[in-house]
Each structure stands twice: as structure tokens, then as C-alpha cells.
Amino acid sequence: MLFCTNMPIIKYKNVDINIDSKVILENVSFTLENGEFAYIIGSVGSGKSTLLKSIYGEVEITDGKAYVMDEYDLSRISNRKLQKLRRNIGIVFQDFQLLTDRSIHDNLDFVLRCTGWKARRQREERIQGVLDLVGLLQKGYKHPHELSGGEQQRVVIARAILNRPALLLADEPTGNLDSETGNYIMTLLHNICKEEKMAVLMITHNEQWLKDYPGTVYRCKDSEMNKVIFESNVQAPAPQATVQEIVQGIVQGLVHETVQATVQNIAQQAAQEDVKENEADVPVTEHNIEERENIN
């Protein structure tokens, strides 16, 4: 079930994570709110995947406070509670991990049966719902090898959200995909985050996604994880002029046009006066009369 509370989905405070006495990450503090999309970036071996594993209890928290959905204390969680926690977390793997001996429909049905869905009708409704959400409603009968890489990744996303988890963890979901398919997957993940009110924490090496699909960004480096800022490529709408500014512009334009017209009129009148004065100064002769008649 979705997590409906004002408490953070994830709250780490001064957390240390060690594996075989080796420090992977230390003094990690961060929160992930309900419906928030966040990225983790960093070089290979910097601790990104280890952090995700600590969230669903595969890697032990060595020190500090780590809570998921407020009620799960990862520093001292029991096996029974850990299984319950994992039902509320969806995981998107880079290498798909689909069951190759059965159809997409049966892959999803297997997960539902394993997580306690008894009624066949309810399972069918949920399977059709998630396949429709990821755009594969007509391909449930196919086996994984009959789908493209992008379609298989969509199946993995459908599988991850079957139980309507409060949290979706994605480990390089676009790493093996081309740019166009990767964009489709990123759009899908952001739509799920927004429409399903699901928190998403995603590992990526593609920093272009951080600009094209904005979210909170954390970088793992030198056994630390810190928040960083990336400039978004999503342009804000141009500011709209107020009615007062529009009217002022019109008035200024009219004034400018009026002044120009007045100046032009004065100049024309002055030129005409000069012509008249010049004509008055020229003595009238038979020759001048003939020139004026020719001009006229």
C-alpha cells in the first residue's frame, strides 16, 4: 500500500555503511519525501548500489539512524519486518532479472502470488493495470526474449509497482538502452512518481537526465554522499507583462508617435515658409515668370 504520511519515506542521519570492515560510506544524512524524485550519481565503486542495498536491508547499517517509511528502523529490523518492508519497496534492476521460462503475464502473476494476492480476479485486474500503465497491454502473452530491451525494462517497472509500493529504487534503469528508449523510460518513471505519488530514488551515470528530468541530486564520492545542484534544461515560461505595463507601453508608443508627427509638421511648415520667403526676395522678371510656369 502507498505510504500516506507527512513523514519522509527515507531518513538517514549520520549513517555508516561497511562491508567486511571496509568503509563504503560514512556519515550519510539525507531524506526522501513522499512523491519526490531523486538521483544518486558517482563513479564506479563509490557506494551508490551499496546505499540502495542498505535501504532494502541487504547490506547492514553499521552506525547511525536509518528509517524507511518511519516505522522501519534499519539498524535493528527483524526478519519478519524486513519482509514486510520489502513488499513496500519496488526495485528496478538494470539486468531485468525476468523469468525466461514463462510469459510476461505469468512473470507478474508469480510476483503477486508470492506476495499474498490470493484472488485470481484481483491479480488479473492488477496485471492488466500495470501493463496498461507501461504501454504493454497487448504483449502480456509474450516471453521476455520476444521483447526489445526497452520493452523488457518496462516489464521490470511494471513488476516493481505491482504492490503499489511507497518507494521505487532504480539501479541504472537506462544503462543498457539507446537514447530514445532511455528518454521513454525516464518519462515513464517521472510520470509514475507524479501520478502515483511514489518516491523514486534512481542511480544513473547519465548526467543529461539530471538536466532534462529534474530532481534532487546526491553524489557519492570519497566515502561521502552530498547534495549537489544541476541546472535544469526545462525552461520556465516567459514572464507575462501586467496590464499596467501593457497600457504604459501603448501610451509611450502613442506619445512617441505624436511627438514625431508634431516635429514633422513643424519641419514641413518651416520649409514652406522658407520657400515663400525666398520667392518673395527674388525680383519678378519675365524670365522668372516663364520658369515658374514651366515648373507648374
C-alpha atoms as a PDB file:
ATOM      1  CA  MET A   1       0.000   0.000   0.000  1.00  0.00           C
ATOM      2  CA  LEU A   2       1.078   3.568  -0.638  1.00  0.00           C
ATOM      3  CA  PHE A   3       2.599   5.438   2.268  1.00  0.00           C
ATOM      4  CA  CYS A   4       0.326   8.323   3.253  1.00  0.00           C
ATOM      5  CA  THR A   5       2.005  10.477   5.869  1.00  0.00           C
ATOM      6  CA  ASN A   6       3.891  13.704   6.260  1.00  0.00           C
ATOM      7  CA  MET A   7       6.948  11.778   7.460  1.00  0.00           C
ATOM      8  CA  PRO A   8       9.827  11.211   4.997  1.00  0.00           C
ATOM      9  CA  ILE A   9       9.913   7.933   3.095  1.00  0.00           C
ATOM     10  CA  ILE A  10      13.642   7.657   3.882  1.00  0.00           C
ATOM     11  CA  LYS A  11      15.531   9.380   6.668  1.00  0.00           C
ATOM     12  CA  TYR A  12      19.243   8.701   7.145  1.00  0.00           C
ATOM     13  CA  LYS A  13      21.203  10.532   9.832  1.00  0.00           C
ATOM     14  CA  ASN A  14      24.959  10.076  10.312  1.00  0.00           C
ATOM     15  CA  VAL A  15      24.807   6.612   8.781  1.00  0.00           C
ATOM     16  CA  ASP A  16      27.936   4.473   8.239  1.00  0.00           C
ATOM     17  CA  ILE A  17      27.923   1.507   5.857  1.00  0.00           C
ATOM     18  CA  ASN A  18      30.784  -1.021   5.961  1.00  0.00           C
ATOM     19  CA  ILE A  19      31.312  -4.293   4.121  1.00  0.00           C
ATOM     20  CA  ASP A  20      33.848  -6.745   5.568  1.00  0.00           C
ATOM     21  CA  SER A  21      35.310  -3.966   7.744  1.00  0.00           C
ATOM     22  CA  LYS A  22      35.806  -1.781   4.656  1.00  0.00           C
ATOM     23  CA  VAL A  23      34.239   1.668   4.837  1.00  0.00           C
ATOM     24  CA  ILE A  24      31.892   2.159   1.874  1.00  0.00           C
ATOM     25  CA  LEU A  25      30.028   5.269   3.009  1.00  0.00           C
ATOM     26  CA  GLU A  26      30.192   7.230   6.226  1.00  0.00           C
ATOM     27  CA  ASN A  27      28.238   9.976   7.918  1.00  0.00           C
ATOM     28  CA  VAL A  28      25.434   9.833   5.329  1.00  0.00           C
ATOM     29  CA  SER A  29      22.498  12.124   6.087  1.00  0.00           C
ATOM     30  CA  PHE A  30      19.593  12.655   3.691  1.00  0.00           C
ATOM     31  CA  THR A  31      15.819  12.441   3.405  1.00  0.00           C
ATOM     32  CA  LEU A  32      13.483  11.402   0.608  1.00  0.00           C
ATOM     33  CA  GLU A  33       9.960  12.746   0.773  1.00  0.00           C
ATOM     34  CA  ASN A  34       6.749  11.128  -0.410  1.00  0.00           C
ATOM     35  CA  GLY A  35       6.415  11.734  -4.177  1.00  0.00           C
ATOM     36  CA  GLU A  36       9.985  13.053  -4.541  1.00  0.00           C
ATOM     37  CA  PHE A  37      12.277  12.045  -7.424  1.00  0.00           C
ATOM     38  CA  ALA A  38      15.973  11.875  -6.503  1.00  0.00           C
ATOM     39  CA  TYR A  39      19.162  10.744  -8.239  1.00  0.00           C
ATOM     40  CA  ILE A  40      22.383   9.246  -6.939  1.00  0.00           C
ATOM     41  CA  ILE A  41      25.453   9.819  -9.108  1.00  0.00           C
ATOM     42  CA  GLY A  42      29.131   8.989  -8.731  1.00  0.00           C
ATOM     43  CA  SER A  43      31.932   6.926 -10.205  1.00  0.00           C
ATOM     44  CA  VAL A  44      32.005   3.133 -10.250  1.00  0.00           C
ATOM     45  CA  GLY A  45      32.694   1.770  -6.772  1.00  0.00           C
ATOM     46  CA  SER A  46      31.669   4.981  -4.980  1.00  0.00           C
ATOM     47  CA  GLY A  47      28.927   3.235  -2.971  1.00  0.00           C
ATOM     48  CA  LYS A  48      25.769   4.033  -4.960  1.00  0.00           C
ATOM     49  CA  SER A  49      24.435   0.486  -5.260  1.00  0.00           C
ATOM     50  CA  THR A  50      25.523  -0.313  -1.704  1.00  0.00           C
ATOM     51  CA  LEU A  51      23.381   2.555  -0.456  1.00  0.00           C
ATOM     52  CA  LEU A  52      20.332   1.149  -2.270  1.00  0.00           C
ATOM     53  CA  LYS A  53      21.016  -2.299  -0.813  1.00  0.00           C
ATOM     54  CA  SER A  54      21.120  -0.790   2.670  1.00  0.00           C
ATOM     55  CA  ILE A  55      17.641   0.659   2.121  1.00  0.00           C
ATOM     56  CA  TYR A  56      16.054  -2.739   1.453  1.00  0.00           C
ATOM     57  CA  GLY A  57      18.121  -4.499   4.086  1.00  0.00           C
ATOM     58  CA  GLU A  58      20.626  -6.454   2.023  1.00  0.00           C
ATOM     59  CA  VAL A  59      23.555  -4.507   3.483  1.00  0.00           C
ATOM     60  CA  GLU A  60      23.728  -3.787   7.213  1.00  0.00           C
ATOM     61  CA  ILE A  61      23.766  -0.289   8.680  1.00  0.00           C
ATOM     62  CA  THR A  62      26.949  -0.102  10.766  1.00  0.00           C
ATOM     63  CA  ASP A  63      26.205   3.090  12.675  1.00  0.00           C
ATOM     64  CA  GLY A  64      23.752   5.981  12.767  1.00  0.00           C
ATOM     65  CA  LYS A  65      19.975   6.175  12.370  1.00  0.00           C
ATOM     66  CA  ALA A  66      18.214   4.892   9.254  1.00  0.00           C
ATOM     67  CA  TYR A  67      14.439   4.832   8.922  1.00  0.00           C
ATOM     68  CA  VAL A  68      12.295   3.823   5.950  1.00  0.00           C
ATOM     69  CA  MET A  69       8.619   4.824   5.992  1.00  0.00           C
ATOM     70  CA  ASP A  70       9.122   5.932   9.587  1.00  0.00           C
ATOM     71  CA  GLU A  71       8.230   2.558  11.131  1.00  0.00           C
ATOM     72  CA  TYR A  72      11.209   0.542   9.894  1.00  0.00           C
ATOM     73  CA  ASP A  73      14.427   1.103  11.835  1.00  0.00           C
ATOM     74  CA  LEU A  74      17.099  -0.432   9.606  1.00  0.00           C
ATOM     75  CA  SER A  75      19.681  -0.525  12.385  1.00  0.00           C
ATOM     76  CA  ARG A  76      17.671  -3.154  14.279  1.00  0.00           C
ATOM     77  CA  ILE A  77      14.992  -4.543  11.991  1.00  0.00           C
ATOM     78  CA  SER A  78      13.700  -8.099  12.487  1.00  0.00           C
ATOM     79  CA  ASN A  79      13.452 -10.614   9.638  1.00  0.00           C
ATOM     80  CA  ARG A  80       9.645 -10.518   9.767  1.00  0.00           C
ATOM     81  CA  LYS A  81       9.569  -6.741   9.496  1.00  0.00           C
ATOM     82  CA  LEU A  82      12.210  -6.810   6.780  1.00  0.00           C
ATOM     83  CA  GLN A  83       9.969  -8.978   4.599  1.00  0.00           C
ATOM     84  CA  LYS A  84       7.094  -6.572   5.172  1.00  0.00           C
ATOM     85  CA  LEU A  85       9.349  -3.619   4.286  1.00  0.00           C
ATOM     86  CA  ARG A  86      10.427  -5.223   1.021  1.00  0.00           C
ATOM     87  CA  ARG A  87       6.794  -5.589  -0.058  1.00  0.00           C
ATOM     88  CA  ASN A  88       6.560  -1.800   0.155  1.00  0.00           C
ATOM     89  CA  ILE A  89       9.657  -1.239  -1.979  1.00  0.00           C
ATOM     90  CA  GLY A  90       9.759  -1.703  -5.750  1.00  0.00           C
ATOM     91  CA  ILE A  91      13.153  -2.405  -7.330  1.00  0.00           C
ATOM     92  CA  VAL A  92      14.097  -1.811 -10.974  1.00  0.00           C
ATOM     93  CA  PHE A  93      17.227  -3.717 -11.949  1.00  0.00           C
ATOM     94  CA  GLN A  94      19.466  -2.855 -14.868  1.00  0.00           C
ATOM     95  CA  ASP A  95      19.721  -6.502 -15.968  1.00  0.00           C
ATOM     96  CA  PHE A  96      15.919  -7.107 -15.865  1.00  0.00           C
ATOM     97  CA  GLN A  97      16.024 -10.478 -13.971  1.00  0.00           C
ATOM     98  CA  LEU A  98      12.847 -11.727 -15.645  1.00  0.00           C
ATOM     99  CA  LEU A  99      11.869 -15.410 -15.586  1.00  0.00           C
ATOM    100  CA  THR A 100      12.628 -16.574 -19.115  1.00  0.00           C
ATOM    101  CA  ASP A 101      10.563 -19.774 -18.972  1.00  0.00           C
ATOM    102  CA  ARG A 102       7.210 -18.003 -18.746  1.00  0.00           C
ATOM    103  CA  SER A 103       5.235 -15.172 -20.326  1.00  0.00           C
ATOM    104  CA  ILE A 104       5.232 -11.567 -19.174  1.00  0.00           C
ATOM    105  CA  HIS A 105       1.774 -12.095 -17.707  1.00  0.00           C
ATOM    106  CA  ASP A 106       2.965 -15.109 -15.737  1.00  0.00           C
ATOM    107  CA  ASN A 107       6.081 -13.244 -14.558  1.00  0.00           C
ATOM    108  CA  LEU A 108       3.814 -10.655 -12.977  1.00  0.00           C
ATOM    109  CA  ASP A 109       1.344 -13.204 -11.658  1.00  0.00           C
ATOM    110  CA  PHE A 110       4.196 -15.084  -9.966  1.00  0.00           C
ATOM    111  CA  VAL A 111       5.172 -11.943  -8.015  1.00  0.00           C
ATOM    112  CA  LEU A 112       1.579 -11.303  -6.914  1.00  0.00           C
ATOM    113  CA  ARG A 113       1.081 -14.865  -5.709  1.00  0.00           C
ATOM    114  CA  CYS A 114       4.369 -14.749  -3.807  1.00  0.00           C
ATOM    115  CA  THR A 115       3.340 -11.545  -2.059  1.00  0.00           C
ATOM    116  CA  GLY A 116      -0.018 -12.784  -0.853  1.00  0.00           C
ATOM    117  CA  TRP A 117      -2.532 -11.981  -3.605  1.00  0.00           C
ATOM    118  CA  LYS A 118      -4.988 -14.896  -3.334  1.00  0.00           C
ATOM    119  CA  ALA A 119      -7.917 -13.872  -5.540  1.00  0.00           C
ATOM    120  CA  ARG A 120      -7.263 -14.591  -9.202  1.00  0.00           C
ATOM    121  CA  ARG A 121      -9.616 -11.845 -10.393  1.00  0.00           C
ATOM    122  CA  GLN A 122      -7.793  -9.201  -8.363  1.00  0.00           C
ATOM    123  CA  ARG A 123      -4.467 -10.426  -9.691  1.00  0.00           C
ATOM    124  CA  GLU A 124      -5.726 -10.209 -13.271  1.00  0.00           C
ATOM    125  CA  GLU A 125      -7.021  -6.678 -12.760  1.00  0.00           C
ATOM    126  CA  ARG A 126      -3.711  -5.548 -11.283  1.00  0.00           C
ATOM    127  CA  ILE A 127      -1.658  -7.186 -14.038  1.00  0.00           C
ATOM    128  CA  GLN A 128      -3.755  -5.540 -16.744  1.00  0.00           C
ATOM    129  CA  GLY A 129      -3.498  -2.224 -14.908  1.00  0.00           C
ATOM    130  CA  VAL A 130       0.296  -2.124 -14.718  1.00  0.00           C
ATOM    131  CA  LEU A 131       0.748  -3.411 -18.290  1.00  0.00           C
ATOM    132  CA  ASP A 132      -1.541  -0.634 -19.476  1.00  0.00           C
ATOM    133  CA  LEU A 133       0.431   1.919 -17.437  1.00  0.00           C
ATOM    134  CA  VAL A 134       3.728   0.947 -19.104  1.00  0.00           C
ATOM    135  CA  GLY A 135       2.204   0.615 -22.583  1.00  0.00           C
ATOM    136  CA  LEU A 136       2.397  -3.187 -22.927  1.00  0.00           C
ATOM    137  CA  LEU A 137      -1.236  -4.182 -22.511  1.00  0.00           C
ATOM    138  CA  GLN A 138      -1.222  -6.217 -25.744  1.00  0.00           C
ATOM    139  CA  LYS A 139       2.074  -8.047 -25.060  1.00  0.00           C
ATOM    140  CA  GLY A 140       1.398  -9.947 -21.853  1.00  0.00           C
ATOM    141  CA  TYR A 141       1.364 -13.279 -23.699  1.00  0.00           C
ATOM    142  CA  LYS A 142       4.934 -12.874 -24.988  1.00  0.00           C
ATOM    143  CA  HIS A 143       8.090 -14.245 -23.381  1.00  0.00           C
ATOM    144  CA  PRO A 144      10.966 -11.938 -22.375  1.00  0.00           C
ATOM    145  CA  HIS A 145      13.177 -12.946 -25.320  1.00  0.00           C
ATOM    146  CA  GLU A 146      10.440 -11.797 -27.715  1.00  0.00           C
ATOM    147  CA  LEU A 147      10.623  -8.217 -26.419  1.00  0.00           C
ATOM    148  CA  SER A 148      13.132  -5.444 -27.074  1.00  0.00           C
ATOM    149  CA  GLY A 149      15.411  -4.198 -24.306  1.00  0.00           C
ATOM    150  CA  GLY A 150      13.215  -1.164 -23.728  1.00  0.00           C
ATOM    151  CA  GLU A 151      10.077  -3.321 -23.533  1.00  0.00           C
ATOM    152  CA  GLN A 152      11.738  -5.668 -21.049  1.00  0.00           C
ATOM    153  CA  GLN A 153      12.693  -2.684 -18.893  1.00  0.00           C
ATOM    154  CA  ARG A 154       9.071  -1.561 -18.959  1.00  0.00           C
ATOM    155  CA  VAL A 155       8.059  -5.025 -17.745  1.00  0.00           C
ATOM    156  CA  VAL A 156      10.565  -4.669 -14.893  1.00  0.00           C
ATOM    157  CA  ILE A 157       8.974  -1.326 -13.948  1.00  0.00           C
ATOM    158  CA  ALA A 158       5.511  -2.906 -14.106  1.00  0.00           C
ATOM    159  CA  ARG A 159       6.724  -5.704 -11.825  1.00  0.00           C
ATOM    160  CA  ALA A 160       8.232  -3.196  -9.397  1.00  0.00           C
ATOM    161  CA  ILE A 161       4.984  -1.269  -8.934  1.00  0.00           C
ATOM    162  CA  LEU A 162       2.631  -4.274  -8.749  1.00  0.00           C
ATOM    163  CA  ASN A 163       2.132  -3.943  -4.990  1.00  0.00           C
ATOM    164  CA  ARG A 164       1.755  -0.150  -5.145  1.00  0.00           C
ATOM    165  CA  PRO A 165       4.935   0.466  -3.162  1.00  0.00           C
ATOM    166  CA  ALA A 166       5.654   3.720  -1.383  1.00  0.00           C
ATOM    167  CA  LEU A 167       9.236   3.671  -2.680  1.00  0.00           C
ATOM    168  CA  LEU A 168      10.777   2.769  -6.032  1.00  0.00           C
ATOM    169  CA  LEU A 169      14.525   2.081  -6.217  1.00  0.00           C
ATOM    170  CA  ALA A 170      16.050   2.065  -9.711  1.00  0.00           C
ATOM    171  CA  ASP A 171      19.648   0.953 -10.324  1.00  0.00           C
ATOM    172  CA  GLU A 172      20.779   2.287 -13.725  1.00  0.00           C
ATOM    173  CA  PRO A 173      17.428   1.557 -15.442  1.00  0.00           C
ATOM    174  CA  THR A 174      18.567   3.175 -18.710  1.00  0.00           C
ATOM    175  CA  GLY A 175      22.176   1.949 -18.690  1.00  0.00           C
ATOM    176  CA  ASN A 176      21.716  -0.648 -21.440  1.00  0.00           C
ATOM    177  CA  LEU A 177      19.241   1.313 -23.561  1.00  0.00           C
ATOM    178  CA  ASP A 178      19.603   3.669 -26.520  1.00  0.00           C
ATOM    179  CA  SER A 179      18.889   7.381 -26.078  1.00  0.00           C
ATOM    180  CA  GLU A 180      15.334   7.327 -27.452  1.00  0.00           C
ATOM    181  CA  THR A 181      14.293   4.339 -25.343  1.00  0.00           C
ATOM    182  CA  GLY A 182      16.057   5.832 -22.332  1.00  0.00           C
ATOM    183  CA  ASN A 183      14.003   9.011 -22.694  1.00  0.00           C
ATOM    184  CA  TYR A 184      10.831   6.936 -22.783  1.00  0.00           C
ATOM    185  CA  ILE A 185      11.811   5.127 -19.573  1.00  0.00           C
ATOM    186  CA  MET A 186      12.704   8.401 -17.840  1.00  0.00           C
ATOM    187  CA  THR A 187       9.364   9.927 -18.814  1.00  0.00           C
ATOM    188  CA  LEU A 188       7.584   6.822 -17.545  1.00  0.00           C
ATOM    189  CA  LEU A 189       9.395   6.885 -14.188  1.00  0.00           C
ATOM    190  CA  HIS A 190       8.682  10.576 -13.655  1.00  0.00           C
ATOM    191  CA  ASN A 191       5.017  10.087 -14.558  1.00  0.00           C
ATOM    192  CA  ILE A 192       4.742   7.225 -12.072  1.00  0.00           C
ATOM    193  CA  CYS A 193       6.379   9.389  -9.401  1.00  0.00           C
ATOM    194  CA  LYS A 194       3.950  12.227 -10.064  1.00  0.00           C
ATOM    195  CA  GLU A 195       0.716  10.356 -10.723  1.00  0.00           C
ATOM    196  CA  GLU A 196       1.151   7.519  -8.214  1.00  0.00           C
ATOM    197  CA  LYS A 197       2.681   9.793  -5.531  1.00  0.00           C
ATOM    198  CA  MET A 198       5.587   7.354  -5.287  1.00  0.00           C
ATOM    199  CA  ALA A 199       9.067   8.316  -4.094  1.00  0.00           C
ATOM    200  CA  VAL A 200      11.766   7.358  -6.594  1.00  0.00           C
ATOM    201  CA  LEU A 201      15.484   7.013  -5.873  1.00  0.00           C
ATOM    202  CA  MET A 202      17.500   6.325  -9.024  1.00  0.00           C
ATOM    203  CA  ILE A 203      21.169   5.613  -9.704  1.00  0.00           C
ATOM    204  CA  THR A 204      22.492   6.949 -13.013  1.00  0.00           C
ATOM    205  CA  HIS A 205      25.735   7.765 -14.796  1.00  0.00           C
ATOM    206  CA  ASN A 206      23.908   9.828 -17.422  1.00  0.00           C
ATOM    207  CA  GLU A 207      24.093  13.400 -16.164  1.00  0.00           C
ATOM    208  CA  GLN A 208      21.966  14.571 -19.089  1.00  0.00           C
ATOM    209  CA  TRP A 209      18.950  13.028 -17.362  1.00  0.00           C
ATOM    210  CA  LEU A 210      19.529  15.334 -14.389  1.00  0.00           C
ATOM    211  CA  LYS A 211      19.047  18.351 -16.680  1.00  0.00           C
ATOM    212  CA  ASP A 212      16.225  17.009 -18.833  1.00  0.00           C
ATOM    213  CA  TYR A 213      14.278  15.368 -15.982  1.00  0.00           C
ATOM    214  CA  PRO A 214      15.000  17.485 -12.891  1.00  0.00           C
ATOM    215  CA  GLY A 215      15.074  16.074  -9.385  1.00  0.00           C
ATOM    216  CA  THR A 216      17.102  16.127  -6.193  1.00  0.00           C
ATOM    217  CA  VAL A 217      20.707  15.016  -6.832  1.00  0.00           C
ATOM    218  CA  TYR A 218      23.214  13.364  -4.476  1.00  0.00           C
ATOM    219  CA  ARG A 219      26.812  12.499  -5.375  1.00  0.00           C
ATOM    220  CA  CYS A 220      28.780   9.648  -3.805  1.00  0.00           C
ATOM    221  CA  LYS A 221      32.486  10.441  -3.656  1.00  0.00           C
ATOM    222  CA  ASP A 222      35.334   9.656  -1.265  1.00  0.00           C
ATOM    223  CA  SER A 223      33.054   7.593   1.029  1.00  0.00           C
ATOM    224  CA  GLU A 224      30.644  10.529   1.398  1.00  0.00           C
ATOM    225  CA  MET A 225      27.286  11.409  -0.107  1.00  0.00           C
ATOM    226  CA  ASN A 226      26.447  15.075  -0.606  1.00  0.00           C
ATOM    227  CA  LYS A 227      23.663  17.007  -2.279  1.00  0.00           C
ATOM    228  CA  VAL A 228      24.641  18.804  -5.489  1.00  0.00           C
ATOM    229  CA  ILE A 229      22.915  21.291  -7.794  1.00  0.00           C
ATOM    230  CA  PHE A 230      22.369  20.751 -11.502  1.00  0.00           C
ATOM    231  CA  GLU A 231      20.951  23.399 -13.828  1.00  0.00           C
ATOM    232  CA  SER A 232      17.757  22.201 -15.488  1.00  0.00           C
ATOM    233  CA  ASN A 233      17.168  22.273 -19.247  1.00  0.00           C
ATOM    234  CA  VAL A 234      13.446  22.637 -18.618  1.00  0.00           C
ATOM    235  CA  GLN A 235      12.766  26.275 -19.433  1.00  0.00           C
ATOM    236  CA  ALA A 236      10.459  28.310 -17.269  1.00  0.00           C
ATOM    237  CA  PRO A 237       7.655  30.131 -19.095  1.00  0.00           C
ATOM    238  CA  ALA A 238       8.471  33.684 -20.156  1.00  0.00           C
ATOM    239  CA  PRO A 239       7.158  36.260 -17.670  1.00  0.00           C
ATOM    240  CA  GLN A 240       3.884  37.816 -18.737  1.00  0.00           C
ATOM    241  CA  ALA A 241       3.528  41.608 -18.859  1.00  0.00           C
ATOM    242  CA  THR A 242       0.975  43.077 -16.486  1.00  0.00           C
ATOM    243  CA  VAL A 243      -1.968  45.114 -17.714  1.00  0.00           C
ATOM    244  CA  GLN A 244      -0.329  48.245 -16.291  1.00  0.00           C
ATOM    245  CA  GLU A 245       2.893  47.552 -18.209  1.00  0.00           C
ATOM    246  CA  ILE A 246       0.971  46.909 -21.419  1.00  0.00           C
ATOM    247  CA  VAL A 247      -1.020  50.149 -21.074  1.00  0.00           C
ATOM    248  CA  GLN A 248       2.139  52.084 -20.229  1.00  0.00           C
ATOM    249  CA  GLY A 249       3.838  50.716 -23.331  1.00  0.00           C
ATOM    250  CA  ILE A 250       0.905  51.700 -25.503  1.00  0.00           C
ATOM    251  CA  VAL A 251       0.798  55.210 -24.048  1.00  0.00           C
ATOM    252  CA  GLN A 252       4.540  55.626 -24.520  1.00  0.00           C
ATOM    253  CA  GLY A 253       4.215  54.468 -28.096  1.00  0.00           C
ATOM    254  CA  LEU A 254       1.380  56.906 -28.787  1.00  0.00           C
ATOM    255  CA  VAL A 255       3.291  59.773 -27.207  1.00  0.00           C
ATOM    256  CA  HIS A 256       6.344  58.907 -29.268  1.00  0.00           C
ATOM    257  CA  GLU A 257       4.296  58.781 -32.457  1.00  0.00           C
ATOM    258  CA  THR A 258       2.563  62.097 -31.577  1.00  0.00           C
ATOM    259  CA  VAL A 259       5.857  63.844 -30.918  1.00  0.00           C
ATOM    260  CA  GLN A 260       7.284  62.548 -34.189  1.00  0.00           C
ATOM    261  CA  ALA A 261       4.239  63.732 -36.104  1.00  0.00           C
ATOM    262  CA  THR A 262       4.390  67.155 -34.457  1.00  0.00           C
ATOM    263  CA  VAL A 263       8.070  67.553 -35.257  1.00  0.00           C
ATOM    264  CA  GLN A 264       7.462  66.530 -38.860  1.00  0.00           C
ATOM    265  CA  ASN A 265       4.604  69.027 -39.196  1.00  0.00           C
ATOM    266  CA  ILE A 266       6.712  71.854 -37.756  1.00  0.00           C
ATOM    267  CA  ALA A 267       9.573  70.978 -40.112  1.00  0.00           C
ATOM    268  CA  GLN A 268       7.252  70.944 -43.128  1.00  0.00           C
ATOM    269  CA  GLN A 269       5.699  74.282 -42.175  1.00  0.00           C
ATOM    270  CA  ALA A 270       9.148  75.813 -41.662  1.00  0.00           C
ATOM    271  CA  ALA A 271      10.276  74.564 -45.058  1.00  0.00           C
ATOM    272  CA  GLN A 272       7.204  76.050 -46.722  1.00  0.00           C
ATOM    273  CA  GLU A 273       7.805  79.381 -45.006  1.00  0.00           C
ATOM    274  CA  ASP A 274      11.413  79.379 -46.226  1.00  0.00           C
ATOM    275  CA  VAL A 275      10.255  78.788 -49.772  1.00  0.00           C
ATOM    276  CA  LYS A 276       7.792  81.633 -49.576  1.00  0.00           C
ATOM    277  CA  GLU A 277      10.404  83.973 -48.141  1.00  0.00           C
ATOM    278  CA  ASN A 278      12.902  83.039 -50.835  1.00  0.00           C
ATOM    279  CA  GLU A 279      10.313  83.584 -53.518  1.00  0.00           C
ATOM    280  CA  ALA A 280       9.489  86.994 -52.039  1.00  0.00           C
ATOM    281  CA  ASP A 281      13.142  88.041 -52.167  1.00  0.00           C
ATOM    282  CA  VAL A 282      13.537  87.203 -55.868  1.00  0.00           C
ATOM    283  CA  PRO A 283      12.586  90.092 -58.176  1.00  0.00           C
ATOM    284  CA  VAL A 284       9.810  89.303 -60.604  1.00  0.00           C
ATOM    285  CA  THR A 285      11.051  89.259 -64.177  1.00  0.00           C
ATOM    286  CA  GLU A 286       9.777  87.883 -67.425  1.00  0.00           C
ATOM    287  CA  HIS A 287      12.379  85.104 -67.170  1.00  0.00           C
ATOM    288  CA  ASN A 288      11.238  84.104 -63.638  1.00  0.00           C
ATOM    289  CA  ILE A 289       7.607  84.017 -64.692  1.00  0.00           C
ATOM    290  CA  GLU A 290       8.457  81.632 -67.509  1.00  0.00           C
ATOM    291  CA  GLU A 291      10.421  79.345 -65.081  1.00  0.00           C
ATOM    292  CA  ARG A 292       7.506  79.224 -62.599  1.00  0.00           C
ATOM    293  CA  GLU A 293       5.036  78.477 -65.416  1.00  0.00           C
ATOM    294  CA  ASN A 294       7.301  75.660 -66.613  1.00  0.00           C
ATOM    295  CA  ILE A 295       7.588  74.212 -63.067  1.00  0.00           C
ATOM    296  CA  ASN A 296       3.845  74.404 -62.543  1.00  0.00           C
END
